């Protein structure tokens, strides 16, 4: 679970970064396991990316091993602390944080 939170925190360097689009392109070319799940990478997207400072960023953590019930009732204090760190970091850099977890 800690790896998922750390990965979310690593995305902070790309929020508002003008090199994000270039990095996406390079990943798609160089890495065989990189793919776009929804939509396509088009020239119109590249052109609109110049206005990256007007974008709204949302970081989504998806982990079925995270239980909303356990975190709310402090059964997993480490998870609570990690989630708060992620939330604070995302808020500080202007992004929102969404967490998809089990009940």
PDB file of N, CA and C in Angstrom:
ATOM      1  N   UNK A   1       0.823  -1.193   0.000  1.00  0.00           N
ATOM      2  CA  UNK A   1       0.000   0.000   0.000  1.00  0.00           C
ATOM      3  C   UNK A   1       0.870   1.262   0.000  1.00  0.00           C
ATOM      4  N   UNK A   2       1.976   1.206   0.685  1.00  0.00           N
ATOM      5  CA  UNK A   2       2.866   2.358   0.770  1.00  0.00           C
ATOM      6  C   UNK A   2       3.381   2.753  -0.615  1.00  0.00           C
ATOM      7  N   UNK A   3       3.627   1.764  -1.471  1.00  0.00           N
ATOM      8  CA  UNK A   3       4.109   2.043  -2.827  1.00  0.00           C
ATOM      9  C   UNK A   3       3.118   2.885  -3.617  1.00  0.00           C
ATOM     10  N   UNK A   4       1.845   2.611  -3.434  1.00  0.00           N
ATOM     11  CA  UNK A   4       0.809   3.353  -4.159  1.00  0.00           C
ATOM     12  C   UNK A   4       0.804   4.821  -3.724  1.00  0.00           C
ATOM     13  N   UNK A   5       0.940   5.059  -2.444  1.00  0.00           N
ATOM     14  CA  UNK A   5       0.975   6.431  -1.942  1.00  0.00           C
ATOM     15  C   UNK A   5       2.228   7.159  -2.413  1.00  0.00           C
ATOM     16  N   UNK A   6       3.355   6.453  -2.407  1.00  0.00           N
ATOM     17  CA  UNK A   6       4.598   7.069  -2.867  1.00  0.00           C
ATOM     18  C   UNK A   6       4.521   7.412  -4.351  1.00  0.00           C
ATOM     19  N   UNK A   7       3.887   6.549  -5.123  1.00  0.00           N
ATOM     20  CA  UNK A   7       3.722   6.836  -6.541  1.00  0.00           C
ATOM     21  C   UNK A   7       2.859   8.082  -6.743  1.00  0.00           C
ATOM     22  N   UNK A   8       1.816   8.209  -5.956  1.00  0.00           N
ATOM     23  CA  UNK A   8       0.961   9.405  -6.038  1.00  0.00           C
ATOM     24  C   UNK A   8       1.765  10.656  -5.697  1.00  0.00           C
ATOM     25  N   UNK A   9       2.618  10.564  -4.698  1.00  0.00           N
ATOM     26  CA  UNK A   9       3.443  11.708  -4.315  1.00  0.00           C
ATOM     27  C   UNK A   9       4.458  12.070  -5.405  1.00  0.00           C
ATOM     28  N   UNK A  10       4.935  11.064  -6.144  1.00  0.00           N
ATOM     29  CA  UNK A  10       5.892  11.335  -7.221  1.00  0.00           C
ATOM     30  C   UNK A  10       5.246  12.086  -8.388  1.00  0.00           C
ATOM     31  N   UNK A  11       3.938  12.018  -8.511  1.00  0.00           N
ATOM     32  CA  UNK A  11       3.264  12.738  -9.603  1.00  0.00           C
ATOM     33  C   UNK A  11       3.314  14.244  -9.391  1.00  0.00           C
ATOM     34  N   UNK A  12       3.601  14.659  -8.163  1.00  0.00           N
ATOM     35  CA  UNK A  12       3.612  16.091  -7.835  1.00  0.00           C
ATOM     36  C   UNK A  12       4.552  16.873  -8.747  1.00  0.00           C
ATOM     37  N   UNK A  13       5.678  16.276  -9.127  1.00  0.00           N
ATOM     38  CA  UNK A  13       6.637  17.005  -9.957  1.00  0.00           C
ATOM     39  C   UNK A  13       6.102  17.293 -11.354  1.00  0.00           C
ATOM     40  N   UNK A  14       5.051  16.581 -11.777  1.00  0.00           N
ATOM     41  CA  UNK A  14       4.510  16.778 -13.118  1.00  0.00           C
ATOM     42  C   UNK A  14       3.319  17.723 -13.149  1.00  0.00           C
ATOM     43  N   UNK A  15       2.797  18.075 -12.004  1.00  0.00           N
ATOM     44  CA  UNK A  15       1.630  18.962 -11.958  1.00  0.00           C
ATOM     45  C   UNK A  15       2.076  20.376 -12.313  1.00  0.00           C
ATOM     46  N   UNK A  16       1.527  20.877 -13.402  1.00  0.00           N
ATOM     47  CA  UNK A  16       1.896  22.206 -13.875  1.00  0.00           C
ATOM     48  C   UNK A  16       3.231  22.261 -14.593  1.00  0.00           C
ATOM     49  N   UNK A  17       3.823  21.104 -14.869  1.00  0.00           N
ATOM     50  CA  UNK A  17       5.126  21.049 -15.521  1.00  0.00           C
ATOM     51  C   UNK A  17       4.945  21.098 -17.038  1.00  0.00           C
ATOM     52  N   UNK A  18       5.544  22.068 -17.723  1.00  0.00           N
ATOM     53  CA  UNK A  18       5.376  22.176 -19.172  1.00  0.00           C
ATOM     54  C   UNK A  18       5.992  21.004 -19.946  1.00  0.00           C
ATOM     55  N   UNK A  19       6.804  20.190 -19.304  1.00  0.00           N
ATOM     56  CA  UNK A  19       7.415  19.039 -19.973  1.00  0.00           C
ATOM     57  C   UNK A  19       6.584  17.766 -19.863  1.00  0.00           C
ATOM     58  N   UNK A  20       5.410  17.850 -19.255  1.00  0.00           N
ATOM     59  CA  UNK A  20       4.576  16.662 -19.063  1.00  0.00           C
ATOM     60  C   UNK A  20       4.191  16.028 -20.400  1.00  0.00           C
ATOM     61  N   UNK A  21       3.737  16.821 -21.354  1.00  0.00           N
ATOM     62  CA  UNK A  21       3.309  16.271 -22.636  1.00  0.00           C
ATOM     63  C   UNK A  21       4.469  15.566 -23.340  1.00  0.00           C
ATOM     64  N   UNK A  22       5.641  16.190 -23.306  1.00  0.00           N
ATOM     65  CA  UNK A  22       6.829  15.586 -23.930  1.00  0.00           C
ATOM     66  C   UNK A  22       7.153  14.251 -23.255  1.00  0.00           C
ATOM     67  N   UNK A  23       7.030  14.196 -21.934  1.00  0.00           N
ATOM     68  CA  UNK A  23       7.304  12.970 -21.198  1.00  0.00           C
ATOM     69  C   UNK A  23       6.306  11.877 -21.568  1.00  0.00           C
ATOM     70  N   UNK A  24       5.039  12.240 -21.719  1.00  0.00           N
ATOM     71  CA  UNK A  24       4.020  11.261 -22.120  1.00  0.00           C
ATOM     72  C   UNK A  24       4.374  10.683 -23.491  1.00  0.00           C
ATOM     73  N   UNK A  25       4.737  11.561 -24.423  1.00  0.00           N
ATOM     74  CA  UNK A  25       5.119  11.110 -25.765  1.00  0.00           C
ATOM     75  C   UNK A  25       6.311  10.148 -25.705  1.00  0.00           C
ATOM     76  N   UNK A  26       7.329  10.510 -24.944  1.00  0.00           N
ATOM     77  CA  UNK A  26       8.522   9.665 -24.837  1.00  0.00           C
ATOM     78  C   UNK A  26       8.204   8.315 -24.215  1.00  0.00           C
ATOM     79  N   UNK A  27       7.355   8.307 -23.197  1.00  0.00           N
ATOM     80  CA  UNK A  27       6.974   7.044 -22.560  1.00  0.00           C
ATOM     81  C   UNK A  27       6.243   6.134 -23.536  1.00  0.00           C
ATOM     82  N   UNK A  28       5.368   6.715 -24.354  1.00  0.00           N
ATOM     83  CA  UNK A  28       4.621   5.908 -25.312  1.00  0.00           C
ATOM     84  C   UNK A  28       5.538   5.321 -26.380  1.00  0.00           C
ATOM     85  N   UNK A  29       6.579   6.032 -26.736  1.00  0.00           N
ATOM     86  CA  UNK A  29       7.503   5.560 -27.767  1.00  0.00           C
ATOM     87  C   UNK A  29       8.498   4.547 -27.196  1.00  0.00           C
ATOM     88  N   UNK A  30       9.062   4.833 -26.038  1.00  0.00           N
ATOM     89  CA  UNK A  30      10.164   4.035 -25.495  1.00  0.00           C
ATOM     90  C   UNK A  30       9.728   2.816 -24.688  1.00  0.00           C
ATOM     91  N   UNK A  31       8.594   2.897 -24.029  1.00  0.00           N
ATOM     92  CA  UNK A  31       8.204   1.830 -23.114  1.00  0.00           C
ATOM     93  C   UNK A  31       7.066   1.007 -23.709  1.00  0.00           C
ATOM     94  N   UNK A  32       7.283  -0.289 -23.813  1.00  0.00           N
ATOM     95  CA  UNK A  32       6.278  -1.155 -24.404  1.00  0.00           C
ATOM     96  C   UNK A  32       5.028  -1.289 -23.543  1.00  0.00           C
ATOM     97  N   UNK A  33       5.161  -1.155 -22.241  1.00  0.00           N
ATOM     98  CA  UNK A  33       4.006  -1.323 -21.367  1.00  0.00           C
ATOM     99  C   UNK A  33       3.250  -0.022 -21.120  1.00  0.00           C
ATOM    100  N   UNK A  34       3.655   1.074 -21.762  1.00  0.00           N
ATOM    101  CA  UNK A  34       2.936   2.341 -21.629  1.00  0.00           C
ATOM    102  C   UNK A  34       1.880   2.422 -22.718  1.00  0.00           C
ATOM    103  N   UNK A  35       0.687   2.781 -22.314  1.00  0.00           N
ATOM    104  CA  UNK A  35      -0.388   2.920 -23.281  1.00  0.00           C
ATOM    105  C   UNK A  35      -1.427   3.902 -22.772  1.00  0.00           C
ATOM    106  N   UNK A  36      -2.198   4.440 -23.702  1.00  0.00           N
ATOM    107  CA  UNK A  36      -3.296   5.323 -23.343  1.00  0.00           C
ATOM    108  C   UNK A  36      -4.543   4.457 -23.253  1.00  0.00           C
ATOM    109  N   UNK A  37      -5.179   4.455 -22.105  1.00  0.00           N
ATOM    110  CA  UNK A  37      -6.342   3.610 -21.884  1.00  0.00           C
ATOM    111  C   UNK A  37      -7.601   4.236 -22.475  1.00  0.00           C
ATOM    112  N   UNK A  38      -7.734   5.543 -22.327  1.00  0.00           N
ATOM    113  CA  UNK A  38      -8.941   6.223 -22.775  1.00  0.00           C
ATOM    114  C   UNK A  38      -8.536   7.401 -23.647  1.00  0.00           C
ATOM    115  N   UNK A  39      -9.082   7.494 -24.849  1.00  0.00           N
ATOM    116  CA  UNK A  39      -8.789   8.607 -25.737  1.00  0.00           C
ATOM    117  C   UNK A  39      -7.541   8.362 -26.566  1.00  0.00           C
ATOM    118  N   UNK A  40      -7.067   9.418 -27.202  1.00  0.00           N
ATOM    119  CA  UNK A  40      -5.900   9.333 -28.075  1.00  0.00           C
ATOM    120  C   UNK A  40      -5.000  10.539 -27.820  1.00  0.00           C
ATOM    121  N   UNK A  41      -3.754  10.397 -28.186  1.00  0.00           N
ATOM    122  CA  UNK A  41      -2.793  11.491 -28.102  1.00  0.00           C
ATOM    123  C   UNK A  41      -2.783  12.176 -29.467  1.00  0.00           C
ATOM    124  N   UNK A  42      -3.411  13.317 -29.555  1.00  0.00           N
ATOM    125  CA  UNK A  42      -3.563  14.001 -30.840  1.00  0.00           C
ATOM    126  C   UNK A  42      -2.831  15.334 -30.828  1.00  0.00           C
ATOM    127  N   UNK A  43      -2.631  15.871 -32.037  1.00  0.00           N
ATOM    128  CA  UNK A  43      -1.967  17.163 -32.171  1.00  0.00           C
ATOM    129  C   UNK A  43      -2.748  18.273 -31.478  1.00  0.00           C
ATOM    130  N   UNK A  44      -4.089  18.171 -31.490  1.00  0.00           N
ATOM    131  CA  UNK A  44      -4.907  19.199 -30.818  1.00  0.00           C
ATOM    132  C   UNK A  44      -4.610  19.219 -29.318  1.00  0.00           C
ATOM    133  N   UNK A  45      -4.382  18.045 -28.765  1.00  0.00           N
ATOM    134  CA  UNK A  45      -4.044  17.939 -27.341  1.00  0.00           C
ATOM    135  C   UNK A  45      -2.705  18.618 -27.083  1.00  0.00           C
ATOM    136  N   UNK A  46      -1.758  18.365 -27.961  1.00  0.00           N
ATOM    137  CA  UNK A  46      -0.428  18.973 -27.811  1.00  0.00           C
ATOM    138  C   UNK A  46      -0.534  20.491 -27.862  1.00  0.00           C
ATOM    139  N   UNK A  47      -1.351  21.003 -28.786  1.00  0.00           N
ATOM    140  CA  UNK A  47      -1.514  22.454 -28.907  1.00  0.00           C
ATOM    141  C   UNK A  47      -2.169  23.033 -27.653  1.00  0.00           C
ATOM    142  N   UNK A  48      -3.152  22.342 -27.130  1.00  0.00           N
ATOM    143  CA  UNK A  48      -3.835  22.848 -25.931  1.00  0.00           C
ATOM    144  C   UNK A  48      -2.960  22.742 -24.698  1.00  0.00           C
ATOM    145  N   UNK A  49      -1.941  21.910 -24.767  1.00  0.00           N
ATOM    146  CA  UNK A  49      -1.083  21.709 -23.608  1.00  0.00           C
ATOM    147  C   UNK A  49      -0.239  22.929 -23.306  1.00  0.00           C
ATOM    148  N   UNK A  50      -0.114  23.813 -24.268  1.00  0.00           N
ATOM    149  CA  UNK A  50       0.646  25.032 -24.009  1.00  0.00           C
ATOM    150  C   UNK A  50       0.011  25.857 -22.891  1.00  0.00           C
ATOM    151  N   UNK A  51      -1.273  25.656 -22.688  1.00  0.00           N
ATOM    152  CA  UNK A  51      -1.985  26.368 -21.620  1.00  0.00           C
ATOM    153  C   UNK A  51      -2.068  25.499 -20.364  1.00  0.00           C
ATOM    154  N   UNK A  52      -0.997  24.745 -20.099  1.00  0.00           N
ATOM    155  CA  UNK A  52      -0.991  23.811 -18.973  1.00  0.00           C
ATOM    156  C   UNK A  52      -1.273  24.479 -17.638  1.00  0.00           C
ATOM    157  N   UNK A  53      -0.951  25.773 -17.522  1.00  0.00           N
ATOM    158  CA  UNK A  53      -1.156  26.453 -16.243  1.00  0.00           C
ATOM    159  C   UNK A  53      -2.637  26.684 -15.949  1.00  0.00           C
ATOM    160  N   UNK A  54      -3.496  26.508 -16.948  1.00  0.00           N
ATOM    161  CA  UNK A  54      -4.940  26.654 -16.737  1.00  0.00           C
ATOM    162  C   UNK A  54      -5.618  25.314 -16.483  1.00  0.00           C
ATOM    163  N   UNK A  55      -4.871  24.257 -16.482  1.00  0.00           N
ATOM    164  CA  UNK A  55      -5.440  22.924 -16.291  1.00  0.00           C
ATOM    165  C   UNK A  55      -5.774  22.685 -14.829  1.00  0.00           C
ATOM    166  N   UNK A  56      -6.722  21.791 -14.619  1.00  0.00           N
ATOM    167  CA  UNK A  56      -7.026  21.321 -13.273  1.00  0.00           C
ATOM    168  C   UNK A  56      -6.505  19.898 -13.179  1.00  0.00           C
ATOM    169  N   UNK A  57      -5.733  19.633 -12.160  1.00  0.00           N
ATOM    170  CA  UNK A  57      -5.104  18.326 -12.004  1.00  0.00           C
ATOM    171  C   UNK A  57      -5.784  17.554 -10.881  1.00  0.00           C
ATOM    172  N   UNK A  58      -6.015  16.272 -11.138  1.00  0.00           N
ATOM    173  CA  UNK A  58      -6.586  15.382 -10.134  1.00  0.00           C
ATOM    174  C   UNK A  58      -5.743  14.108 -10.104  1.00  0.00           C
ATOM    175  N   UNK A  59      -5.231  13.777  -8.958  1.00  0.00           N
ATOM    176  CA  UNK A  59      -4.465  12.553  -8.770  1.00  0.00           C
ATOM    177  C   UNK A  59      -5.413  11.530  -8.147  1.00  0.00           C
ATOM    178  N   UNK A  60      -5.483  10.367  -8.771  1.00  0.00           N
ATOM    179  CA  UNK A  60      -6.403   9.323  -8.307  1.00  0.00           C
ATOM    180  C   UNK A  60      -5.598   8.123  -7.817  1.00  0.00           C
ATOM    181  N   UNK A  61      -5.844   7.747  -6.582  1.00  0.00           N
ATOM    182  CA  UNK A  61      -5.237   6.552  -5.998  1.00  0.00           C
ATOM    183  C   UNK A  61      -6.291   5.449  -6.034  1.00  0.00           C
ATOM    184  N   UNK A  62      -5.969   4.353  -6.682  1.00  0.00           N
ATOM    185  CA  UNK A  62      -6.888   3.211  -6.749  1.00  0.00           C
ATOM    186  C   UNK A  62      -6.212   2.033  -6.072  1.00  0.00           C
ATOM    187  N   UNK A  63      -6.832   1.554  -4.993  1.00  0.00           N
ATOM    188  CA  UNK A  63      -6.250   0.426  -4.265  1.00  0.00           C
ATOM    189  C   UNK A  63      -7.356  -0.282  -3.477  1.00  0.00           C
ATOM    190  N   UNK A  64      -7.756  -1.463  -3.922  1.00  0.00           N
ATOM    191  CA  UNK A  64      -8.818  -2.175  -3.203  1.00  0.00           C
ATOM    192  C   UNK A  64      -8.410  -2.628  -1.805  1.00  0.00           C
ATOM    193  N   UNK A  65      -7.103  -2.617  -1.520  1.00  0.00           N
ATOM    194  CA  UNK A  65      -6.633  -2.990  -0.190  1.00  0.00           C
ATOM    195  C   UNK A  65      -6.818  -1.893   0.845  1.00  0.00           C
ATOM    196  N   UNK A  66      -7.173  -0.702   0.386  1.00  0.00           N
ATOM    197  CA  UNK A  66      -7.450   0.400   1.308  1.00  0.00           C
ATOM    198  C   UNK A  66      -8.918   0.318   1.693  1.00  0.00           C
ATOM    199  N   UNK A  67      -9.174   0.203   2.950  1.00  0.00           N
ATOM    200  CA  UNK A  67     -10.541   0.123   3.439  1.00  0.00           C
ATOM    201  C   UNK A  67     -10.948   1.450   4.054  1.00  0.00           C
ATOM    202  N   UNK A  68     -11.999   2.031   3.528  1.00  0.00           N
ATOM    203  CA  UNK A  68     -12.515   3.287   4.077  1.00  0.00           C
ATOM    204  C   UNK A  68     -12.865   3.112   5.557  1.00  0.00           C
ATOM    205  N   UNK A  69     -13.466   2.010   5.866  1.00  0.00           N
ATOM    206  CA  UNK A  69     -13.878   1.729   7.245  1.00  0.00           C
ATOM    207  C   UNK A  69     -12.676   1.669   8.188  1.00  0.00           C
ATOM    208  N   UNK A  70     -11.621   0.985   7.778  1.00  0.00           N
ATOM    209  CA  UNK A  70     -10.436   0.841   8.640  1.00  0.00           C
ATOM    210  C   UNK A  70      -9.759   2.189   8.874  1.00  0.00           C
ATOM    211  N   UNK A  71      -9.688   2.999   7.827  1.00  0.00           N
ATOM    212  CA  UNK A  71      -9.022   4.294   7.959  1.00  0.00           C
ATOM    213  C   UNK A  71      -9.851   5.249   8.821  1.00  0.00           C
ATOM    214  N   UNK A  72     -11.158   5.259   8.611  1.00  0.00           N
ATOM    215  CA  UNK A  72     -12.014   6.154   9.394  1.00  0.00           C
ATOM    216  C   UNK A  72     -12.028   5.795  10.875  1.00  0.00           C
ATOM    217  N   UNK A  73     -11.853   4.533  11.177  1.00  0.00           N
ATOM    218  CA  UNK A  73     -11.883   4.105  12.576  1.00  0.00           C
ATOM    219  C   UNK A  73     -10.480   3.863  13.131  1.00  0.00           C
ATOM    220  N   UNK A  74      -9.468   4.430  12.439  1.00  0.00           N
ATOM    221  CA  UNK A  74      -8.081   4.424  12.918  1.00  0.00           C
ATOM    222  C   UNK A  74      -7.483   3.032  13.116  1.00  0.00           C
ATOM    223  N   UNK A  75      -8.003   2.035  12.389  1.00  0.00           N
ATOM    224  CA  UNK A  75      -7.415   0.701  12.491  1.00  0.00           C
ATOM    225  C   UNK A  75      -6.080   0.636  11.758  1.00  0.00           C
ATOM    226  N   UNK A  76      -5.896   1.509  10.800  1.00  0.00           N
ATOM    227  CA  UNK A  76      -4.644   1.548  10.039  1.00  0.00           C
ATOM    228  C   UNK A  76      -4.071   2.952  10.122  1.00  0.00           C
ATOM    229  N   UNK A  77      -3.419   3.252  11.217  1.00  0.00           N
ATOM    230  CA  UNK A  77      -2.881   4.596  11.429  1.00  0.00           C
ATOM    231  C   UNK A  77      -1.859   4.989  10.371  1.00  0.00           C
ATOM    232  N   UNK A  78      -1.019   4.039   9.957  1.00  0.00           N
ATOM    233  CA  UNK A  78      -0.028   4.361   8.937  1.00  0.00           C
ATOM    234  C   UNK A  78      -0.690   4.800   7.643  1.00  0.00           C
ATOM    235  N   UNK A  79      -1.756   4.119   7.269  1.00  0.00           N
ATOM    236  CA  UNK A  79      -2.484   4.479   6.052  1.00  0.00           C
ATOM    237  C   UNK A  79      -3.090   5.869   6.196  1.00  0.00           C
ATOM    238  N   UNK A  80      -3.616   6.180   7.363  1.00  0.00           N
ATOM    239  CA  UNK A  80      -4.196   7.506   7.593  1.00  0.00           C
ATOM    240  C   UNK A  80      -3.145   8.600   7.444  1.00  0.00           C
ATOM    241  N   UNK A  81      -1.981   8.373   7.998  1.00  0.00           N
ATOM    242  CA  UNK A  81      -0.899   9.358   7.925  1.00  0.00           C
ATOM    243  C   UNK A  81      -0.446   9.538   6.480  1.00  0.00           C
ATOM    244  N   UNK A  82      -0.281   8.427   5.754  1.00  0.00           N
ATOM    245  CA  UNK A  82       0.123   8.504   4.351  1.00  0.00           C
ATOM    246  C   UNK A  82      -0.917   9.239   3.510  1.00  0.00           C
ATOM    247  N   UNK A  83      -2.185   8.960   3.751  1.00  0.00           N
ATOM    248  CA  UNK A  83      -3.249   9.642   3.013  1.00  0.00           C
ATOM    249  C   UNK A  83      -3.248  11.138   3.297  1.00  0.00           C
ATOM    250  N   UNK A  84      -3.049  11.503   4.533  1.00  0.00           N
ATOM    251  CA  UNK A  84      -2.995  12.931   4.875  1.00  0.00           C
ATOM    252  C   UNK A  84      -1.804  13.618   4.214  1.00  0.00           C
ATOM    253  N   UNK A  85      -0.665  12.929   4.172  1.00  0.00           N
ATOM    254  CA  UNK A  85       0.509  13.483   3.486  1.00  0.00           C
ATOM    255  C   UNK A  85       0.233  13.681   2.006  1.00  0.00           C
ATOM    256  N   UNK A  86      -0.391  12.689   1.392  1.00  0.00           N
ATOM    257  CA  UNK A  86      -0.739  12.803  -0.031  1.00  0.00           C
ATOM    258  C   UNK A  86      -1.698  13.960  -0.257  1.00  0.00           C
ATOM    259  N   UNK A  87      -2.713  14.051   0.577  1.00  0.00           N
ATOM    260  CA  UNK A  87      -3.700  15.123   0.444  1.00  0.00           C
ATOM    261  C   UNK A  87      -3.038  16.490   0.578  1.00  0.00           C
ATOM    262  N   UNK A  88      -2.211  16.655   1.598  1.00  0.00           N
ATOM    263  CA  UNK A  88      -1.534  17.936   1.816  1.00  0.00           C
ATOM    264  C   UNK A  88      -0.609  18.296   0.654  1.00  0.00           C
ATOM    265  N   UNK A  89       0.133  17.313   0.156  1.00  0.00           N
ATOM    266  CA  UNK A  89       1.053  17.564  -0.953  1.00  0.00           C
ATOM    267  C   UNK A  89       0.311  17.959  -2.222  1.00  0.00           C
ATOM    268  N   UNK A  90      -0.766  17.252  -2.518  1.00  0.00           N
ATOM    269  CA  UNK A  90      -1.534  17.565  -3.723  1.00  0.00           C
ATOM    270  C   UNK A  90      -2.180  18.949  -3.613  1.00  0.00           C
ATOM    271  N   UNK A  91      -2.714  19.240  -2.452  1.00  0.00           N
ATOM    272  CA  UNK A  91      -3.340  20.547  -2.234  1.00  0.00           C
ATOM    273  C   UNK A  91      -2.315  21.666  -2.378  1.00  0.00           C
ATOM    274  N   UNK A  92      -1.109  21.447  -1.855  1.00  0.00           N
ATOM    275  CA  UNK A  92      -0.056  22.464  -1.910  1.00  0.00           C
ATOM    276  C   UNK A  92       0.373  22.775  -3.344  1.00  0.00           C
ATOM    277  N   UNK A  93       0.304  21.787  -4.225  1.00  0.00           N
ATOM    278  CA  UNK A  93       0.722  22.033  -5.611  1.00  0.00           C
ATOM    279  C   UNK A  93      -0.469  22.303  -6.530  1.00  0.00           C
ATOM    280  N   UNK A  94      -1.656  22.445  -5.963  1.00  0.00           N
ATOM    281  CA  UNK A  94      -2.821  22.838  -6.753  1.00  0.00           C
ATOM    282  C   UNK A  94      -3.605  21.710  -7.379  1.00  0.00           C
ATOM    283  N   UNK A  95      -3.404  20.499  -6.924  1.00  0.00           N
ATOM    284  CA  UNK A  95      -4.142  19.350  -7.467  1.00  0.00           C
ATOM    285  C   UNK A  95      -5.138  18.844  -6.435  1.00  0.00           C
ATOM    286  N   UNK A  96      -6.135  18.136  -6.922  1.00  0.00           N
ATOM    287  CA  UNK A  96      -7.049  17.478  -6.008  1.00  0.00           C
ATOM    288  C   UNK A  96      -6.662  16.009  -5.908  1.00  0.00           C
ATOM    289  N   UNK A  97      -7.111  15.359  -4.861  1.00  0.00           N
ATOM    290  CA  UNK A  97      -6.784  13.949  -4.627  1.00  0.00           C
ATOM    291  C   UNK A  97      -8.079  13.162  -4.506  1.00  0.00           C
ATOM    292  N   UNK A  98      -8.159  12.091  -5.250  1.00  0.00           N
ATOM    293  CA  UNK A  98      -9.313  11.205  -5.200  1.00  0.00           C
ATOM    294  C   UNK A  98      -8.809   9.811  -4.846  1.00  0.00           C
ATOM    295  N   UNK A  99      -9.525   9.129  -3.968  1.00  0.00           N
ATOM    296  CA  UNK A  99      -9.121   7.794  -3.535  1.00  0.00           C
ATOM    297  C   UNK A  99     -10.265   6.812  -3.817  1.00  0.00           C
ATOM    298  N   UNK A 100      -9.950   5.762  -4.545  1.00  0.00           N
ATOM    299  CA  UNK A 100     -10.921   4.709  -4.827  1.00  0.00           C
ATOM    300  C   UNK A 100     -10.495   3.515  -3.990  1.00  0.00           C
ATOM    301  N   UNK A 101     -11.384   3.086  -3.064  1.00  0.00           N
ATOM    302  CA  UNK A 101     -11.036   2.012  -2.147  1.00  0.00           C
ATOM    303  C   UNK A 101     -12.239   1.111  -1.895  1.00  0.00           C
ATOM    304  N   UNK A 102     -12.042   0.102  -1.085  1.00  0.00           N
ATOM    305  CA  UNK A 102     -13.150  -0.790  -0.722  1.00  0.00           C
ATOM    306  C   UNK A 102     -13.940  -0.155   0.413  1.00  0.00           C
ATOM    307  N   UNK A 103     -15.053  -0.760   0.716  1.00  0.00           N
ATOM    308  CA  UNK A 103     -15.952  -0.231   1.754  1.00  0.00           C
ATOM    309  C   UNK A 103     -15.370  -0.321   3.127  1.00  0.00           C
TER     310      UNK A 103
END
